[in-house]
Amino acid sequence: MIMILRLFVGFCLCMVLGVNARASKLFIPMDAEGQAQHLKAYGVAYAALKAGISIDWLLNYKGGSFGMDDAESLVRLCKLRGVTYEIMSDAQYLGIITDIANPDFNGDVIKLEKAPKVGVYTPPNKEPWDDAVTMALTYAEIPFDKLYDDEVLDDGLHKYDWLHLHHEDFTGQYGKFYAQFHNADWYQRDQKTAEASAAKHGFKKVSQLKLAIAKKVRDFVAGGGYLFAMCSATDSYDIALAAEGTDICESMFDGDPMDPNAQRKLDFTKCFAFKDFQLKPNPYEYEYSNIDNTNDRRINMKLDYFSLFTFSAKFDPVPAMLCQNHTTTIKGFMGQTTAFRKEVLKSSVLVMGECKPVNEARYIHGEYGKGTWTFYGGHDPEDYQHLIGDPKTELSLHPNSPGYRLILNNVLFPAAKKKPRKT
């Protein structure tokens, strides 16, 4: 009997040791030398979350690497998408976690728990290459829903965790393309479509429709949503909120003159990011206000870079997550709204990326209610000066783009079990 018991215990011990020997982790490095497909790696991480597999986001460890339980389906996905990976034993992985936990190492382990539901506010007729975020999501193979005025006004935002604003003009001035394109078929078609949408929802003007959308988005953030916007969707959004109840559009945009006292009537307390800005009322000027620094940058294209701040991952994990990259120097790129003048930023705004030679902020973040917003200046991180009619960017030629990585950091951000930012 004793012999049988010993054999049984020995068998169980062998089983336990065998399981431990086989236990392993899937490690996806995100440093410059170690990863062949940075952008596709985010899609693998998202797929893991969709499959119910939690992820360790290893902040500041080899460019913000990902660690998760080894799964055959994920290994197959890495191979299929060309994502560099490594299978580690539990002991090897524990060594990494121990290194990160060292107080002298500026890193942390953030648990990603649930795949965020992603929505993109964009007109139905827009192609994916009209917007850098839809290009990034498509290339990374992260699923998203397109929604526009009907869905937002029908309170559809509650279905989503993360929302991106297409390069929209929330002021109702049709992007201020009037001077150059008001006779173009696409401009006239877009104007008619916007006016029809306004009428459908009971608004006399497109500016009133877009203000209603902006307020719905504001409520989405206040309720705990995560907002991300680029280019003109950043400053035009805040301008629309500040101008609530005031006509800031000239007659070619809405049929009557703008309020001559519009500037004085702006209410900056309603804005997320900006304060004390001056409107650019001239309808022939391709600019909304002095928030944007495009026309005064005076910097050579070859020297146009901006730098990411290095945050304390253990004490400031939110901006640390949003700035994960394999470099802290990002190639500059322009847009209708390229960058933000620092003098019009509210004191509560966190600057995460800046171009020091021209004293501008490129990448900013803040909190509103229970949620957060992030604004990123410029149109396309791999197209320095994208013009209407230019060919689309082929992200297969830029699989390791650090500028696009900032977009995808924001997509994964809602999945994180976050710690509050210390002030």
Protein backbone atom coordinates (compact mmCIF):
# COMPACT_ATOMS: atom_id res chain seq x y z
CA MET A 1 0.00 0.00 0.00
CA ILE A 2 2.82 2.37 0.91
CA MET A 3 4.58 1.49 -2.34
CA ILE A 4 1.43 2.28 -4.34
CA LEU A 5 1.05 5.60 -2.53
CA ARG A 6 4.68 6.50 -3.29
CA LEU A 7 4.19 5.66 -6.94
CA PHE A 8 1.05 7.78 -7.07
CA VAL A 9 2.79 10.77 -5.44
CA GLY A 10 5.72 10.36 -7.80
CA PHE A 11 3.39 10.25 -10.77
CA CYS A 12 1.61 13.45 -9.65
CA LEU A 13 4.95 15.19 -9.10
CA CYS A 14 6.09 14.22 -12.58
CA MET A 15 2.84 15.56 -14.01
CA VAL A 16 3.28 18.88 -12.20
CA LEU A 17 6.90 19.21 -13.25
CA GLY A 18 5.96 18.30 -16.80
CA VAL A 19 3.29 21.00 -16.93
CA ASN A 20 5.69 23.55 -15.50
CA ALA A 21 8.30 22.59 -18.04
CA ARG A 22 5.83 23.08 -20.86
CA ALA A 23 4.31 26.30 -19.49
CA SER A 24 5.39 29.18 -21.70
CA LYS A 25 4.77 32.78 -22.66
CA LEU A 26 4.43 34.46 -26.03
CA PHE A 27 6.66 37.52 -26.03
CA ILE A 28 6.34 40.18 -28.75
CA PRO A 29 9.28 42.62 -28.71
CA MET A 30 8.61 46.19 -29.83
CA ASP A 31 12.11 47.66 -30.01
CA ALA A 32 13.68 48.94 -33.22
CA GLU A 33 15.93 45.93 -33.84
CA GLY A 34 13.65 43.21 -32.55
CA GLN A 35 10.36 43.77 -34.40
CA ALA A 36 9.76 43.42 -38.13
CA GLN A 37 6.09 44.53 -38.06
CA HIS A 38 5.39 47.02 -35.28
CA LEU A 39 1.96 48.03 -36.59
CA LYS A 40 0.78 44.46 -37.21
CA ALA A 41 1.87 43.57 -33.65
CA TYR A 42 -0.91 45.76 -32.26
CA GLY A 43 -3.39 43.74 -34.28
CA VAL A 44 -2.09 40.51 -32.77
CA ALA A 45 -2.45 42.03 -29.29
CA TYR A 46 -6.02 43.06 -30.11
CA ALA A 47 -6.81 39.57 -31.42
CA ALA A 48 -5.53 38.08 -28.16
CA LEU A 49 -7.85 40.33 -26.17
CA LYS A 50 -10.77 39.38 -28.41
CA ALA A 51 -9.99 35.73 -27.67
CA GLY A 52 -10.14 36.41 -23.94
CA ILE A 53 -6.37 36.28 -23.40
CA SER A 54 -5.09 39.04 -21.14
CA ILE A 55 -1.87 40.83 -22.08
CA ASP A 56 0.98 42.36 -20.14
CA TRP A 57 2.00 45.66 -21.73
CA LEU A 58 5.62 45.95 -20.67
CA LEU A 59 6.05 49.70 -20.55
CA ASN A 60 9.49 50.93 -21.65
CA TYR A 61 10.79 47.37 -21.95
CA LYS A 62 12.16 46.86 -25.46
CA GLY A 63 9.96 49.57 -26.92
CA GLY A 64 6.78 48.67 -25.05
CA SER A 65 6.66 44.92 -25.67
CA PHE A 66 3.70 42.59 -25.14
CA GLY A 67 3.64 39.39 -23.10
CA MET A 68 0.83 36.83 -22.92
CA ASP A 69 0.17 33.14 -22.40
CA ASP A 70 1.37 31.04 -25.30
CA ALA A 71 -1.46 30.00 -27.60
CA GLU A 72 -1.15 28.12 -30.88
CA SER A 73 -3.65 30.44 -32.57
CA LEU A 74 -1.61 33.53 -31.68
CA VAL A 75 1.67 31.99 -32.81
CA ARG A 76 0.00 31.13 -36.10
CA LEU A 77 -1.26 34.71 -36.38
CA CYS A 78 2.22 36.12 -35.74
CA LYS A 79 3.64 33.92 -38.47
CA LEU A 80 0.86 34.84 -40.89
CA ARG A 81 1.31 38.59 -40.32
CA GLY A 82 5.09 38.61 -40.13
CA VAL A 83 5.17 39.72 -36.48
CA THR A 84 8.39 38.86 -34.65
CA TYR A 85 7.80 36.81 -31.51
CA GLU A 86 9.60 34.60 -29.01
CA ILE A 87 8.39 31.68 -26.93
CA MET A 88 9.72 31.95 -23.38
CA SER A 89 9.56 29.69 -20.38
CA ASP A 90 7.73 31.00 -17.34
CA ALA A 91 11.11 31.35 -15.60
CA GLN A 92 12.50 33.51 -18.43
CA TYR A 93 9.43 35.69 -18.42
CA LEU A 94 9.54 36.06 -14.66
CA GLY A 95 13.05 37.38 -15.07
CA ILE A 96 11.73 40.16 -17.31
CA ILE A 97 8.98 41.04 -14.82
CA THR A 98 11.57 41.15 -12.05
CA ASP A 99 13.78 43.49 -14.06
CA ILE A 100 10.86 45.81 -14.75
CA ALA A 101 9.88 45.84 -11.06
CA ASN A 102 13.31 47.15 -10.11
CA PRO A 103 12.81 50.69 -8.73
CA ASP A 104 15.77 51.88 -10.80
CA PHE A 105 14.13 50.79 -14.06
CA ASN A 106 11.63 53.22 -15.58
CA GLY A 107 9.06 50.61 -16.54
CA ASP A 108 5.86 48.97 -15.42
CA VAL A 109 3.56 46.10 -16.30
CA ILE A 110 0.08 47.19 -17.32
CA LYS A 111 -2.57 44.51 -17.68
CA LEU A 112 -4.70 44.72 -20.83
CA GLU A 113 -7.94 42.94 -20.11
CA LYS A 114 -10.65 43.50 -22.73
CA ALA A 115 -10.64 44.43 -26.41
CA PRO A 116 -12.13 47.93 -26.73
CA LYS A 117 -15.05 48.48 -29.07
CA VAL A 118 -13.73 50.94 -31.68
CA GLY A 119 -15.80 53.53 -33.52
CA VAL A 120 -14.72 56.04 -36.17
CA TYR A 121 -16.82 59.13 -36.85
CA THR A 122 -16.43 59.49 -40.60
CA PRO A 123 -18.68 60.24 -43.60
CA PRO A 124 -19.97 57.13 -45.40
CA ASN A 125 -18.34 58.18 -48.68
CA LYS A 126 -14.82 58.47 -47.28
CA GLU A 127 -12.21 55.89 -48.23
CA PRO A 128 -9.92 54.35 -45.56
CA TRP A 129 -6.91 56.24 -46.95
CA ASP A 130 -8.62 59.59 -46.31
CA ASP A 131 -7.72 59.26 -42.63
CA ALA A 132 -4.57 57.99 -40.93
CA VAL A 133 -6.48 56.21 -38.17
CA THR A 134 -8.63 54.13 -40.51
CA MET A 135 -5.47 53.28 -42.43
CA ALA A 136 -3.74 52.20 -39.22
CA LEU A 137 -6.69 50.11 -38.06
CA THR A 138 -7.08 48.48 -41.46
CA TYR A 139 -3.37 47.66 -41.78
CA ALA A 140 -3.16 46.34 -38.19
CA GLU A 141 -6.36 44.33 -38.84
CA ILE A 142 -8.18 45.80 -35.86
CA PRO A 143 -11.95 45.82 -36.44
CA PHE A 144 -13.86 49.10 -36.24
CA ASP A 145 -17.29 50.50 -37.00
CA LYS A 146 -17.92 53.57 -39.09
CA LEU A 147 -20.58 55.91 -37.76
CA TYR A 148 -21.72 59.37 -38.65
CA ASP A 149 -24.39 61.93 -37.85
CA ASP A 150 -27.36 59.55 -37.74
CA GLU A 151 -25.72 57.11 -35.33
CA VAL A 152 -24.29 59.79 -33.03
CA LEU A 153 -27.54 61.76 -32.76
CA ASP A 154 -29.39 58.50 -32.13
CA ASP A 155 -27.24 58.05 -29.00
CA GLY A 156 -25.16 55.31 -30.60
CA LEU A 157 -21.90 56.29 -28.94
CA HIS A 158 -22.68 54.27 -25.83
CA LYS A 159 -21.81 51.13 -27.80
CA TYR A 160 -18.16 52.14 -28.02
CA ASP A 161 -15.20 52.40 -25.70
CA TRP A 162 -12.98 54.38 -28.07
CA LEU A 163 -13.94 56.98 -30.65
CA HIS A 164 -11.89 58.62 -33.36
CA LEU A 165 -12.98 61.81 -35.11
CA HIS A 166 -12.26 61.84 -38.82
CA HIS A 167 -10.66 65.06 -40.13
CA GLU A 168 -13.94 66.87 -39.58
CA ASP A 169 -14.82 70.56 -39.52
CA PHE A 170 -17.09 70.98 -36.52
CA THR A 171 -17.48 74.72 -37.17
CA GLY A 172 -19.69 74.21 -40.23
CA GLN A 173 -17.29 75.97 -42.64
CA TYR A 174 -16.65 72.89 -44.84
CA GLY A 175 -12.99 72.75 -43.95
CA LYS A 176 -12.50 76.34 -45.13
CA PHE A 177 -11.75 75.00 -48.61
CA TYR A 178 -13.96 77.70 -50.16
CA ALA A 179 -11.26 79.83 -51.79
CA GLN A 180 -9.64 77.00 -53.73
CA PHE A 181 -12.35 74.39 -54.15
CA HIS A 182 -15.84 75.92 -53.95
CA ASN A 183 -16.40 75.15 -57.65
CA ALA A 184 -15.16 71.58 -57.37
CA ASP A 185 -17.74 68.81 -57.73
CA TRP A 186 -16.63 67.08 -54.54
CA TYR A 187 -16.93 70.31 -52.51
CA GLN A 188 -20.44 71.05 -53.77
CA ARG A 189 -21.50 67.44 -53.26
CA ASP A 190 -20.19 67.38 -49.68
CA GLN A 191 -21.92 70.69 -48.93
CA LYS A 192 -25.26 69.41 -50.21
CA THR A 193 -24.89 66.20 -48.25
CA ALA A 194 -24.12 68.10 -45.04
CA GLU A 195 -27.03 70.48 -45.54
CA ALA A 196 -29.37 67.54 -46.16
CA SER A 197 -28.18 65.88 -42.95
CA ALA A 198 -28.75 69.09 -40.99
CA ALA A 199 -32.29 69.45 -42.39
CA LYS A 200 -33.05 65.78 -41.69
CA HIS A 201 -32.21 66.27 -38.02
CA GLY A 202 -34.10 69.54 -37.67
CA PHE A 203 -31.25 72.04 -37.89
CA LYS A 204 -31.28 75.14 -40.08
CA LYS A 205 -27.50 75.20 -40.44
CA VAL A 206 -24.69 72.70 -40.72
CA SER A 207 -22.85 74.51 -37.92
CA GLN A 208 -25.78 73.73 -35.61
CA LEU A 209 -25.70 70.07 -36.61
CA LYS A 210 -21.96 69.81 -35.98
CA LEU A 211 -22.30 71.53 -32.61
CA ALA A 212 -24.90 68.93 -31.63
CA ILE A 213 -22.46 66.19 -32.66
CA ALA A 214 -19.66 67.86 -30.68
CA LYS A 215 -21.84 67.93 -27.56
CA LYS A 216 -22.74 64.26 -27.95
CA VAL A 217 -19.04 63.47 -28.17
CA ARG A 218 -18.38 65.63 -25.10
CA ASP A 219 -20.98 63.62 -23.17
CA PHE A 220 -19.41 60.38 -24.40
CA VAL A 221 -16.08 61.45 -22.91
CA ALA A 222 -17.66 62.73 -19.70
CA GLY A 223 -19.26 59.33 -19.22
CA GLY A 224 -15.94 57.52 -19.43
CA GLY A 225 -15.24 57.30 -23.15
CA TYR A 226 -11.85 57.63 -24.82
CA LEU A 227 -11.61 60.21 -27.60
CA PHE A 228 -8.85 60.49 -30.18
CA ALA A 229 -8.66 63.14 -32.89
CA MET A 230 -6.16 64.33 -35.47
CA CYS A 231 -5.66 67.33 -37.73
CA SER A 232 -8.67 69.66 -38.11
CA ALA A 233 -10.90 67.54 -35.86
CA THR A 234 -8.87 68.82 -32.90
CA ASP A 235 -9.08 72.61 -33.04
CA SER A 236 -12.39 72.83 -34.94
CA TYR A 237 -13.95 70.65 -32.22
CA ASP A 238 -13.00 73.01 -29.39
CA ILE A 239 -13.89 76.07 -31.48
CA ALA A 240 -17.38 74.69 -32.05
CA LEU A 241 -17.89 74.13 -28.32
CA ALA A 242 -16.62 77.62 -27.46
CA ALA A 243 -18.88 79.23 -30.08
CA GLU A 244 -22.11 77.60 -28.92
CA GLY A 245 -24.94 80.08 -29.54
CA THR A 246 -22.72 82.36 -31.67
CA ASP A 247 -22.60 82.52 -35.47
CA ILE A 248 -18.96 82.30 -36.56
CA CYS A 249 -19.71 81.39 -40.22
CA GLU A 250 -19.81 83.83 -43.12
CA SER A 251 -22.69 83.84 -45.61
CA MET A 252 -21.16 81.46 -48.16
CA PHE A 253 -21.23 78.77 -45.46
CA ASP A 254 -24.64 79.30 -43.87
CA GLY A 255 -26.51 82.01 -45.80
CA ASP A 256 -26.01 84.93 -43.41
CA PRO A 257 -23.05 86.98 -42.05
CA MET A 258 -21.14 85.93 -38.96
CA ASP A 259 -21.77 87.72 -35.69
CA PRO A 260 -19.45 90.79 -35.63
CA ASN A 261 -18.95 90.21 -31.90
CA ALA A 262 -18.24 86.50 -32.26
CA GLN A 263 -14.71 86.66 -30.86
CA ARG A 264 -15.84 88.40 -27.69
CA LYS A 265 -18.65 85.87 -27.16
CA LEU A 266 -16.46 82.76 -27.21
CA ASP A 267 -16.68 80.71 -24.01
CA PHE A 268 -13.33 78.96 -23.52
CA THR A 269 -14.52 77.14 -20.40
CA LYS A 270 -16.38 74.75 -22.71
CA CYS A 271 -13.18 73.68 -24.50
CA PHE A 272 -11.22 70.52 -23.78
CA ALA A 273 -7.75 71.79 -24.64
CA PHE A 274 -7.58 75.41 -25.76
CA LYS A 275 -8.11 78.88 -24.33
CA ASP A 276 -7.82 82.52 -25.40
CA PHE A 277 -7.48 81.74 -29.11
CA GLN A 278 -8.31 84.18 -31.88
CA LEU A 279 -10.67 83.22 -34.70
CA LYS A 280 -9.63 83.59 -38.34
CA PRO A 281 -12.93 84.88 -39.78
CA ASN A 282 -11.71 85.47 -43.35
CA PRO A 283 -13.55 82.82 -45.44
CA TYR A 284 -10.73 82.87 -47.99
CA GLU A 285 -8.11 81.93 -45.39
CA TYR A 286 -7.42 78.24 -44.96
CA GLU A 287 -7.34 78.42 -41.17
CA TYR A 288 -9.87 78.42 -38.32
CA SER A 289 -7.93 80.23 -35.60
CA ASN A 290 -4.48 80.85 -34.21
CA ILE A 291 -4.54 77.52 -32.36
CA ASP A 292 -2.74 75.96 -35.32
CA ASN A 293 0.90 76.80 -35.95
CA THR A 294 1.12 75.66 -39.61
CA ASN A 295 1.63 79.05 -41.24
CA ASP A 296 4.33 80.24 -38.83
CA ARG A 297 6.49 77.13 -38.39
CA ARG A 298 9.44 78.18 -40.60
CA ILE A 299 11.23 74.86 -40.37
CA ASN A 300 12.95 72.87 -43.09
CA MET A 301 11.26 69.57 -43.96
CA LYS A 302 14.51 67.67 -43.42
CA LEU A 303 14.79 69.09 -39.90
CA ASP A 304 11.13 68.70 -38.98
CA TYR A 305 10.98 66.28 -36.06
CA PHE A 306 9.21 66.28 -32.73
CA SER A 307 10.21 64.62 -29.48
CA LEU A 308 8.19 62.47 -27.13
CA PHE A 309 8.48 63.11 -23.41
CA THR A 310 9.71 60.28 -21.22
CA PHE A 311 7.24 59.76 -18.40
CA SER A 312 7.67 57.74 -15.23
CA ALA A 313 5.94 54.46 -16.07
CA LYS A 314 5.49 53.51 -12.42
CA PHE A 315 3.99 56.85 -11.36
CA ASP A 316 2.53 58.25 -14.61
CA PRO A 317 1.40 55.16 -16.54
CA VAL A 318 -1.24 56.83 -18.72
CA PRO A 319 1.07 59.10 -20.75
CA ALA A 320 3.73 56.40 -20.58
CA MET A 321 1.32 54.05 -22.37
CA LEU A 322 0.39 56.64 -24.96
CA CYS A 323 4.07 57.36 -25.72
CA GLN A 324 5.33 53.77 -26.07
CA ASN A 325 7.65 53.60 -29.07
CA HIS A 326 10.97 52.34 -30.37
CA THR A 327 12.22 55.93 -30.63
CA THR A 328 11.51 59.22 -28.89
CA THR A 329 12.14 61.24 -32.05
CA ILE A 330 9.25 61.26 -34.52
CA LYS A 331 9.41 62.55 -38.09
CA GLY A 332 7.18 65.62 -38.46
CA PHE A 333 4.22 65.81 -40.82
CA MET A 334 1.78 68.56 -41.73
CA GLY A 335 -1.97 68.92 -41.98
CA GLN A 336 -4.62 71.60 -41.98
CA THR A 337 -3.93 71.59 -38.26
CA THR A 338 -0.28 70.64 -37.94
CA ALA A 339 0.54 71.60 -34.36
CA PHE A 340 -0.75 73.57 -31.40
CA ARG A 341 0.63 76.87 -30.14
CA LYS A 342 1.61 76.36 -26.53
CA GLU A 343 0.30 79.75 -25.45
CA VAL A 344 -3.32 78.72 -26.15
CA LEU A 345 -3.15 75.42 -24.24
CA LYS A 346 -5.04 75.19 -20.97
CA SER A 347 -2.90 74.60 -17.90
CA SER A 348 -4.53 71.18 -17.41
CA VAL A 349 -3.32 69.91 -20.80
CA LEU A 350 -0.50 67.38 -20.74
CA VAL A 351 1.99 67.85 -23.58
CA MET A 352 3.36 64.46 -24.64
CA GLY A 353 5.21 65.51 -27.79
CA GLU A 354 6.70 68.82 -28.86
CA CYS A 355 8.81 70.45 -31.54
CA LYS A 356 11.16 72.71 -29.58
CA PRO A 357 12.62 74.74 -32.48
CA VAL A 358 9.19 76.25 -33.18
CA ASN A 359 7.81 75.94 -29.61
CA GLU A 360 4.74 73.92 -30.54
CA ALA A 361 2.91 70.93 -29.09
CA ARG A 362 2.24 68.02 -31.44
CA TYR A 363 0.66 65.41 -29.17
CA ILE A 364 -1.50 66.36 -26.19
CA HIS A 365 -3.76 64.65 -23.69
CA GLY A 366 -6.28 65.51 -21.02
CA GLU A 367 -9.15 64.34 -18.87
CA TYR A 368 -12.80 65.34 -19.01
CA GLY A 369 -15.30 63.91 -16.58
CA LYS A 370 -14.66 60.17 -16.29
CA GLY A 371 -12.98 59.91 -19.69
CA THR A 372 -9.98 61.19 -21.58
CA TRP A 373 -9.14 62.82 -24.90
CA THR A 374 -5.98 62.84 -27.00
CA PHE A 375 -5.24 65.29 -29.85
CA TYR A 376 -2.52 64.57 -32.42
CA GLY A 377 -1.49 67.28 -34.88
CA GLY A 378 -1.03 66.58 -38.57
CA HIS A 379 -2.75 64.51 -41.26
CA ASP A 380 -0.60 61.46 -42.08
CA PRO A 381 2.59 60.45 -40.22
CA GLU A 382 4.14 59.02 -43.39
CA ASP A 383 3.09 61.75 -45.85
CA TYR A 384 4.79 65.02 -44.96
CA GLN A 385 2.37 67.34 -46.74
CA HIS A 386 -0.67 65.47 -47.95
CA LEU A 387 -2.64 67.36 -50.58
CA ILE A 388 -6.11 66.70 -51.96
CA GLY A 389 -5.81 64.19 -54.76
CA ASP A 390 -2.49 62.76 -53.58
CA PRO A 391 -2.16 58.95 -53.70
CA LYS A 392 -2.82 57.01 -50.55
CA THR A 393 -0.05 55.98 -48.20
CA GLU A 394 0.91 52.32 -48.49
CA LEU A 395 1.51 51.27 -44.91
CA SER A 396 3.11 48.05 -46.12
CA LEU A 397 6.05 50.33 -46.95
CA HIS A 398 6.09 51.72 -43.39
CA PRO A 399 5.41 48.70 -41.11
CA ASN A 400 7.53 50.18 -38.31
CA SER A 401 6.28 53.77 -38.45
CA PRO A 402 6.79 55.43 -35.02
CA GLY A 403 4.26 58.13 -35.96
CA TYR A 404 1.58 55.52 -36.60
CA ARG A 405 2.49 53.66 -33.42
CA LEU A 406 1.20 56.63 -31.42
CA ILE A 407 -2.22 56.13 -33.02
CA LEU A 408 -2.30 52.44 -32.14
CA ASN A 409 -1.15 53.11 -28.56
CA ASN A 410 -4.38 55.05 -28.18
CA VAL A 411 -6.44 52.18 -29.61
CA LEU A 412 -5.16 49.75 -26.95
CA PHE A 413 -5.31 52.34 -24.17
CA PRO A 414 -8.94 51.62 -23.11
CA ALA A 415 -8.08 47.95 -22.58
CA ALA A 416 -5.71 48.82 -19.76
CA LYS A 417 -6.41 48.55 -16.08
CA LYS A 418 -5.12 52.04 -15.38
CA LYS A 419 -3.84 53.83 -12.35
CA PRO A 420 -4.88 57.46 -11.87
CA ARG A 421 -2.37 60.07 -13.08
CA LYS A 422 -0.63 61.80 -10.21
CA THR A 423 -0.42 65.58 -10.21
